[in-house]
Amino acid sequence: MQYVTGAVQINQDVADSIVPKLFADHLNEALTAAGKPVEYQIYTGDDHQFAANRGALLANLIAFYRARL
């Protein structure tokens, strides 16, 4: 975690068949424990491609970039 120098946004669907939610949970916990700025967004009803939640995902990304850049 020492090499993480900027804010991180994690986007995860609970039913992701490629990247299990547990991986994102652990990443979020590790970043938080290391005192790194992290935002963790959880979505439902999708898989790895975020097809159903694309609008919400993009809105969250834009808000994150506006707040952090």
PDB file of N, CA and C in Angstrom:
ATOM      1  N   MET A   1       0.794  -1.194   0.000  1.00  0.00           N
ATOM      2  CA  MET A   1       0.000   0.000   0.000  1.00  0.00           C
ATOM      3  C   MET A   1       0.845   1.271   0.000  1.00  0.00           C
ATOM      4  N   GLN A   2       2.121   1.141   0.219  1.00  0.00           N
ATOM      5  CA  GLN A   2       2.983   2.323   0.273  1.00  0.00           C
ATOM      6  C   GLN A   2       3.072   3.041  -1.070  1.00  0.00           C
ATOM      7  N   TYR A   3       2.785   2.338  -2.151  1.00  0.00           N
ATOM      8  CA  TYR A   3       2.900   2.947  -3.473  1.00  0.00           C
ATOM      9  C   TYR A   3       1.601   3.607  -3.940  1.00  0.00           C
ATOM     10  N   VAL A   4       0.542   3.466  -3.186  1.00  0.00           N
ATOM     11  CA  VAL A   4      -0.713   4.122  -3.522  1.00  0.00           C
ATOM     12  C   VAL A   4      -0.613   5.569  -3.053  1.00  0.00           C
ATOM     13  N   THR A   5      -0.635   6.492  -4.008  1.00  0.00           N
ATOM     14  CA  THR A   5      -0.434   7.905  -3.662  1.00  0.00           C
ATOM     15  C   THR A   5      -1.665   8.762  -3.933  1.00  0.00           C
ATOM     16  N   GLY A   6      -2.659   8.208  -4.589  1.00  0.00           N
ATOM     17  CA  GLY A   6      -3.868   8.970  -4.893  1.00  0.00           C
ATOM     18  C   GLY A   6      -5.099   8.248  -4.402  1.00  0.00           C
ATOM     19  N   ALA A   7      -6.207   8.913  -4.522  1.00  0.00           N
ATOM     20  CA  ALA A   7      -7.484   8.327  -4.123  1.00  0.00           C
ATOM     21  C   ALA A   7      -7.842   7.163  -5.052  1.00  0.00           C
ATOM     22  N   VAL A   8      -8.540   6.190  -4.503  1.00  0.00           N
ATOM     23  CA  VAL A   8      -8.926   4.991  -5.247  1.00  0.00           C
ATOM     24  C   VAL A   8     -10.445   4.824  -5.148  1.00  0.00           C
ATOM     25  N   GLN A   9     -11.063   4.559  -6.282  1.00  0.00           N
ATOM     26  CA  GLN A   9     -12.472   4.205  -6.283  1.00  0.00           C
ATOM     27  C   GLN A   9     -12.580   2.741  -6.692  1.00  0.00           C
ATOM     28  N   ILE A  10     -13.285   1.962  -5.897  1.00  0.00           N
ATOM     29  CA  ILE A  10     -13.531   0.551  -6.185  1.00  0.00           C
ATOM     30  C   ILE A  10     -14.996   0.427  -6.580  1.00  0.00           C
ATOM     31  N   ASN A  11     -15.263  -0.163  -7.728  1.00  0.00           N
ATOM     32  CA  ASN A  11     -16.627  -0.418  -8.193  1.00  0.00           C
ATOM     33  C   ASN A  11     -16.814  -1.921  -8.292  1.00  0.00           C
ATOM     34  N   GLN A  12     -17.801  -2.447  -7.589  1.00  0.00           N
ATOM     35  CA  GLN A  12     -17.965  -3.902  -7.513  1.00  0.00           C
ATOM     36  C   GLN A  12     -19.437  -4.268  -7.562  1.00  0.00           C
ATOM     37  N   ASP A  13     -19.760  -5.244  -8.388  1.00  0.00           N
ATOM     38  CA  ASP A  13     -21.106  -5.816  -8.353  1.00  0.00           C
ATOM     39  C   ASP A  13     -21.090  -7.030  -7.444  1.00  0.00           C
ATOM     40  N   VAL A  14     -22.140  -7.199  -6.668  1.00  0.00           N
ATOM     41  CA  VAL A  14     -22.168  -8.296  -5.699  1.00  0.00           C
ATOM     42  C   VAL A  14     -22.148  -9.663  -6.363  1.00  0.00           C
ATOM     43  N   ALA A  15     -22.605  -9.739  -7.616  1.00  0.00           N
ATOM     44  CA  ALA A  15     -22.658 -11.032  -8.306  1.00  0.00           C
ATOM     45  C   ALA A  15     -21.597 -11.170  -9.393  1.00  0.00           C
ATOM     46  N   ASP A  16     -20.527 -10.413  -9.313  1.00  0.00           N
ATOM     47  CA  ASP A  16     -19.470 -10.461 -10.318  1.00  0.00           C
ATOM     48  C   ASP A  16     -18.891 -11.869 -10.390  1.00  0.00           C
ATOM     49  N   SER A  17     -18.918 -12.454 -11.586  1.00  0.00           N
ATOM     50  CA  SER A  17     -18.415 -13.822 -11.763  1.00  0.00           C
ATOM     51  C   SER A  17     -16.927 -13.852 -12.116  1.00  0.00           C
ATOM     52  N   ILE A  18     -16.332 -12.691 -12.366  1.00  0.00           N
ATOM     53  CA  ILE A  18     -14.919 -12.612 -12.719  1.00  0.00           C
ATOM     54  C   ILE A  18     -14.074 -12.237 -11.500  1.00  0.00           C
ATOM     55  N   VAL A  19     -14.469 -11.178 -10.816  1.00  0.00           N
ATOM     56  CA  VAL A  19     -13.768 -10.713  -9.619  1.00  0.00           C
ATOM     57  C   VAL A  19     -14.716 -10.843  -8.436  1.00  0.00           C
ATOM     58  N   PRO A  20     -14.494 -11.811  -7.573  1.00  0.00           N
ATOM     59  CA  PRO A  20     -15.392 -11.996  -6.431  1.00  0.00           C
ATOM     60  C   PRO A  20     -15.437 -10.760  -5.530  1.00  0.00           C
ATOM     61  N   LYS A  21     -16.614 -10.475  -4.990  1.00  0.00           N
ATOM     62  CA  LYS A  21     -16.782  -9.326  -4.115  1.00  0.00           C
ATOM     63  C   LYS A  21     -15.807  -9.371  -2.945  1.00  0.00           C
ATOM     64  N   LEU A  22     -15.463 -10.543  -2.485  1.00  0.00           N
ATOM     65  CA  LEU A  22     -14.516 -10.686  -1.376  1.00  0.00           C
ATOM     66  C   LEU A  22     -13.180 -10.012  -1.690  1.00  0.00           C
ATOM     67  N   PHE A  23     -12.737 -10.085  -2.945  1.00  0.00           N
ATOM     68  CA  PHE A  23     -11.480  -9.422  -3.334  1.00  0.00           C
ATOM     69  C   PHE A  23     -11.587  -7.909  -3.152  1.00  0.00           C
ATOM     70  N   ALA A  24     -12.704  -7.341  -3.614  1.00  0.00           N
ATOM     71  CA  ALA A  24     -12.917  -5.904  -3.472  1.00  0.00           C
ATOM     72  C   ALA A  24     -13.056  -5.523  -2.006  1.00  0.00           C
ATOM     73  N   ASP A  25     -13.723  -6.364  -1.226  1.00  0.00           N
ATOM     74  CA  ASP A  25     -13.849  -6.113   0.219  1.00  0.00           C
ATOM     75  C   ASP A  25     -12.468  -6.038   0.870  1.00  0.00           C
ATOM     76  N   HIS A  26     -11.609  -6.989   0.527  1.00  0.00           N
ATOM     77  CA  HIS A  26     -10.256  -7.021   1.105  1.00  0.00           C
ATOM     78  C   HIS A  26      -9.426  -5.816   0.661  1.00  0.00           C
ATOM     79  N   LEU A  27      -9.546  -5.427  -0.598  1.00  0.00           N
ATOM     80  CA  LEU A  27      -8.823  -4.259  -1.080  1.00  0.00           C
ATOM     81  C   LEU A  27      -9.286  -3.011  -0.345  1.00  0.00           C
ATOM     82  N   ASN A  28     -10.582  -2.858  -0.204  1.00  0.00           N
ATOM     83  CA  ASN A  28     -11.132  -1.713   0.521  1.00  0.00           C
ATOM     84  C   ASN A  28     -10.632  -1.692   1.968  1.00  0.00           C
ATOM     85  N   GLU A  29     -10.652  -2.824   2.623  1.00  0.00           N
ATOM     86  CA  GLU A  29     -10.192  -2.905   4.016  1.00  0.00           C
ATOM     87  C   GLU A  29      -8.707  -2.564   4.126  1.00  0.00           C
ATOM     88  N   ALA A  30      -7.907  -3.064   3.201  1.00  0.00           N
ATOM     89  CA  ALA A  30      -6.464  -2.807   3.247  1.00  0.00           C
ATOM     90  C   ALA A  30      -6.160  -1.328   3.004  1.00  0.00           C
ATOM     91  N   LEU A  31      -6.828  -0.722   2.025  1.00  0.00           N
ATOM     92  CA  LEU A  31      -6.612   0.694   1.754  1.00  0.00           C
ATOM     93  C   LEU A  31      -7.053   1.549   2.940  1.00  0.00           C
ATOM     94  N   THR A  32      -8.191   1.215   3.497  1.00  0.00           N
ATOM     95  CA  THR A  32      -8.697   1.955   4.654  1.00  0.00           C
ATOM     96  C   THR A  32      -7.753   1.820   5.843  1.00  0.00           C
ATOM     97  N   ALA A  33      -7.286   0.609   6.104  1.00  0.00           N
ATOM     98  CA  ALA A  33      -6.365   0.374   7.225  1.00  0.00           C
ATOM     99  C   ALA A  33      -5.051   1.114   7.037  1.00  0.00           C
ATOM    100  N   ALA A  34      -4.642   1.310   5.784  1.00  0.00           N
ATOM    101  CA  ALA A  34      -3.397   2.018   5.484  1.00  0.00           C
ATOM    102  C   ALA A  34      -3.598   3.535   5.461  1.00  0.00           C
ATOM    103  N   GLY A  35      -4.827   3.974   5.705  1.00  0.00           N
ATOM    104  CA  GLY A  35      -5.095   5.409   5.728  1.00  0.00           C
ATOM    105  C   GLY A  35      -5.168   6.053   4.358  1.00  0.00           C
ATOM    106  N   LYS A  36      -5.427   5.239   3.338  1.00  0.00           N
ATOM    107  CA  LYS A  36      -5.512   5.759   1.968  1.00  0.00           C
ATOM    108  C   LYS A  36      -6.938   6.213   1.682  1.00  0.00           C
ATOM    109  N   PRO A  37      -7.101   7.272   0.884  1.00  0.00           N
ATOM    110  CA  PRO A  37      -8.453   7.695   0.524  1.00  0.00           C
ATOM    111  C   PRO A  37      -9.076   6.703  -0.457  1.00  0.00           C
ATOM    112  N   VAL A  38     -10.192   6.132  -0.060  1.00  0.00           N
ATOM    113  CA  VAL A  38     -10.847   5.113  -0.883  1.00  0.00           C
ATOM    114  C   VAL A  38     -12.353   5.318  -0.838  1.00  0.00           C
ATOM    115  N   GLU A  39     -12.972   5.091  -1.984  1.00  0.00           N
ATOM    116  CA  GLU A  39     -14.426   5.126  -2.101  1.00  0.00           C
ATOM    117  C   GLU A  39     -14.839   3.776  -2.671  1.00  0.00           C
ATOM    118  N   TYR A  40     -15.756   3.111  -2.004  1.00  0.00           N
ATOM    119  CA  TYR A  40     -16.170   1.757  -2.401  1.00  0.00           C
ATOM    120  C   TYR A  40     -17.630   1.793  -2.807  1.00  0.00           C
ATOM    121  N   GLN A  41     -17.885   1.560  -4.087  1.00  0.00           N
ATOM    122  CA  GLN A  41     -19.236   1.550  -4.633  1.00  0.00           C
ATOM    123  C   GLN A  41     -19.650   0.105  -4.920  1.00  0.00           C
ATOM    124  N   ILE A  42     -20.797  -0.266  -4.411  1.00  0.00           N
ATOM    125  CA  ILE A  42     -21.319  -1.625  -4.612  1.00  0.00           C
ATOM    126  C   ILE A  42     -22.602  -1.532  -5.428  1.00  0.00           C
ATOM    127  N   TYR A  43     -22.711  -2.387  -6.425  1.00  0.00           N
ATOM    128  CA  TYR A  43     -23.867  -2.422  -7.309  1.00  0.00           C
ATOM    129  C   TYR A  43     -24.505  -3.815  -7.248  1.00  0.00           C
ATOM    130  N   THR A  44     -25.773  -3.879  -7.579  1.00  0.00           N
ATOM    131  CA  THR A  44     -26.470  -5.169  -7.640  1.00  0.00           C
ATOM    132  C   THR A  44     -27.167  -5.302  -8.990  1.00  0.00           C
ATOM    133  N   GLY A  45     -27.319  -6.530  -9.423  1.00  0.00           N
ATOM    134  CA  GLY A  45     -28.066  -6.802 -10.639  1.00  0.00           C
ATOM    135  C   GLY A  45     -27.242  -6.828 -11.909  1.00  0.00           C
ATOM    136  N   ASP A  46     -25.944  -6.894 -11.780  1.00  0.00           N
ATOM    137  CA  ASP A  46     -25.065  -6.901 -12.937  1.00  0.00           C
ATOM    138  C   ASP A  46     -24.083  -8.060 -12.817  1.00  0.00           C
ATOM    139  N   ASP A  47     -23.126  -8.049 -13.683  1.00  0.00           N
ATOM    140  CA  ASP A  47     -21.993  -8.941 -13.587  1.00  0.00           C
ATOM    141  C   ASP A  47     -20.759  -8.057 -13.743  1.00  0.00           C
ATOM    142  N   HIS A  48     -19.764  -8.530 -14.383  1.00  0.00           N
ATOM    143  CA  HIS A  48     -18.493  -7.810 -14.472  1.00  0.00           C
ATOM    144  C   HIS A  48     -18.544  -6.588 -15.390  1.00  0.00           C
ATOM    145  N   GLN A  49     -19.473  -6.563 -16.335  1.00  0.00           N
ATOM    146  CA  GLN A  49     -19.506  -5.490 -17.334  1.00  0.00           C
ATOM    147  C   GLN A  49     -20.310  -4.267 -16.916  1.00  0.00           C
ATOM    148  N   PHE A  50     -21.066  -4.312 -15.844  1.00  0.00           N
ATOM    149  CA  PHE A  50     -21.893  -3.203 -15.364  1.00  0.00           C
ATOM    150  C   PHE A  50     -22.877  -2.707 -16.426  1.00  0.00           C
ATOM    151  N   ALA A  51     -23.432  -3.607 -17.214  1.00  0.00           N
ATOM    152  CA  ALA A  51     -24.361  -3.205 -18.269  1.00  0.00           C
ATOM    153  C   ALA A  51     -25.638  -2.585 -17.697  1.00  0.00           C
ATOM    154  N   ALA A  52     -26.219  -3.177 -16.693  1.00  0.00           N
ATOM    155  CA  ALA A  52     -27.475  -2.677 -16.123  1.00  0.00           C
ATOM    156  C   ALA A  52     -27.266  -1.420 -15.290  1.00  0.00           C
ATOM    157  N   ASN A  53     -26.089  -1.260 -14.702  1.00  0.00           N
ATOM    158  CA  ASN A  53     -25.807  -0.125 -13.820  1.00  0.00           C
ATOM    159  C   ASN A  53     -24.833   0.880 -14.440  1.00  0.00           C
ATOM    160  N   ARG A  54     -24.726   0.871 -15.749  1.00  0.00           N
ATOM    161  CA  ARG A  54     -23.744   1.736 -16.407  1.00  0.00           C
ATOM    162  C   ARG A  54     -23.958   3.213 -16.070  1.00  0.00           C
ATOM    163  N   GLY A  55     -25.198   3.674 -16.058  1.00  0.00           N
ATOM    164  CA  GLY A  55     -25.484   5.074 -15.746  1.00  0.00           C
ATOM    165  C   GLY A  55     -25.039   5.446 -14.341  1.00  0.00           C
ATOM    166  N   ALA A  56     -25.357   4.608 -13.368  1.00  0.00           N
ATOM    167  CA  ALA A  56     -24.955   4.866 -11.980  1.00  0.00           C
ATOM    168  C   ALA A  56     -23.437   4.817 -11.840  1.00  0.00           C
ATOM    169  N   LEU A  57     -22.816   3.859 -12.494  1.00  0.00           N
ATOM    170  CA  LEU A  57     -21.360   3.741 -12.438  1.00  0.00           C
ATOM    171  C   LEU A  57     -20.687   4.995 -13.005  1.00  0.00           C
ATOM    172  N   LEU A  58     -21.133   5.436 -14.170  1.00  0.00           N
ATOM    173  CA  LEU A  58     -20.535   6.617 -14.795  1.00  0.00           C
ATOM    174  C   LEU A  58     -20.772   7.874 -13.957  1.00  0.00           C
ATOM    175  N   ALA A  59     -21.954   8.006 -13.368  1.00  0.00           N
ATOM    176  CA  ALA A  59     -22.236   9.154 -12.497  1.00  0.00           C
ATOM    177  C   ALA A  59     -21.310   9.147 -11.286  1.00  0.00           C
ATOM    178  N   ASN A  60     -21.090   7.981 -10.709  1.00  0.00           N
ATOM    179  CA  ASN A  60     -20.186   7.872  -9.557  1.00  0.00           C
ATOM    180  C   ASN A  60     -18.739   8.167  -9.954  1.00  0.00           C
ATOM    181  N   LEU A  61     -18.324   7.701 -11.127  1.00  0.00           N
ATOM    182  CA  LEU A  61     -16.967   7.987 -11.609  1.00  0.00           C
ATOM    183  C   LEU A  61     -16.757   9.484 -11.829  1.00  0.00           C
ATOM    184  N   ILE A  62     -17.728  10.122 -12.469  1.00  0.00           N
ATOM    185  CA  ILE A  62     -17.596  11.557 -12.727  1.00  0.00           C
ATOM    186  C   ILE A  62     -17.552  12.339 -11.418  1.00  0.00           C
ATOM    187  N   ALA A  63     -18.414  11.987 -10.464  1.00  0.00           N
ATOM    188  CA  ALA A  63     -18.411  12.670  -9.163  1.00  0.00           C
ATOM    189  C   ALA A  63     -17.083  12.462  -8.447  1.00  0.00           C
ATOM    190  N   PHE A  64     -16.549  11.257  -8.526  1.00  0.00           N
ATOM    191  CA  PHE A  64     -15.261  10.942  -7.894  1.00  0.00           C
ATOM    192  C   PHE A  64     -14.143  11.785  -8.514  1.00  0.00           C
ATOM    193  N   TYR A  65     -14.081  11.829  -9.848  1.00  0.00           N
ATOM    194  CA  TYR A  65     -13.033  12.604 -10.525  1.00  0.00           C
ATOM    195  C   TYR A  65     -13.181  14.097 -10.244  1.00  0.00           C
ATOM    196  N   ARG A  66     -14.390  14.590 -10.249  1.00  0.00           N
ATOM    197  CA  ARG A  66     -14.594  16.014  -9.962  1.00  0.00           C
ATOM    198  C   ARG A  66     -14.132  16.366  -8.542  1.00  0.00           C
ATOM    199  N   ALA A  67     -14.381  15.479  -7.618  1.00  0.00           N
ATOM    200  CA  ALA A  67     -14.006  15.733  -6.218  1.00  0.00           C
ATOM    201  C   ALA A  67     -12.509  15.572  -5.992  1.00  0.00           C
ATOM    202  N   ARG A  68     -11.847  14.742  -6.791  1.00  0.00           N
ATOM    203  CA  ARG A  68     -10.455  14.391  -6.530  1.00  0.00           C
ATOM    204  C   ARG A  68      -9.432  15.029  -7.460  1.00  0.00           C
ATOM    205  N   LEU A  69      -9.856  15.542  -8.599  1.00  0.00           N
ATOM    206  CA  LEU A  69      -8.896  16.127  -9.545  1.00  0.00           C
ATOM    207  C   LEU A  69      -8.800  17.629  -9.386  1.00  0.00           C
TER     208      LEU A  69
END
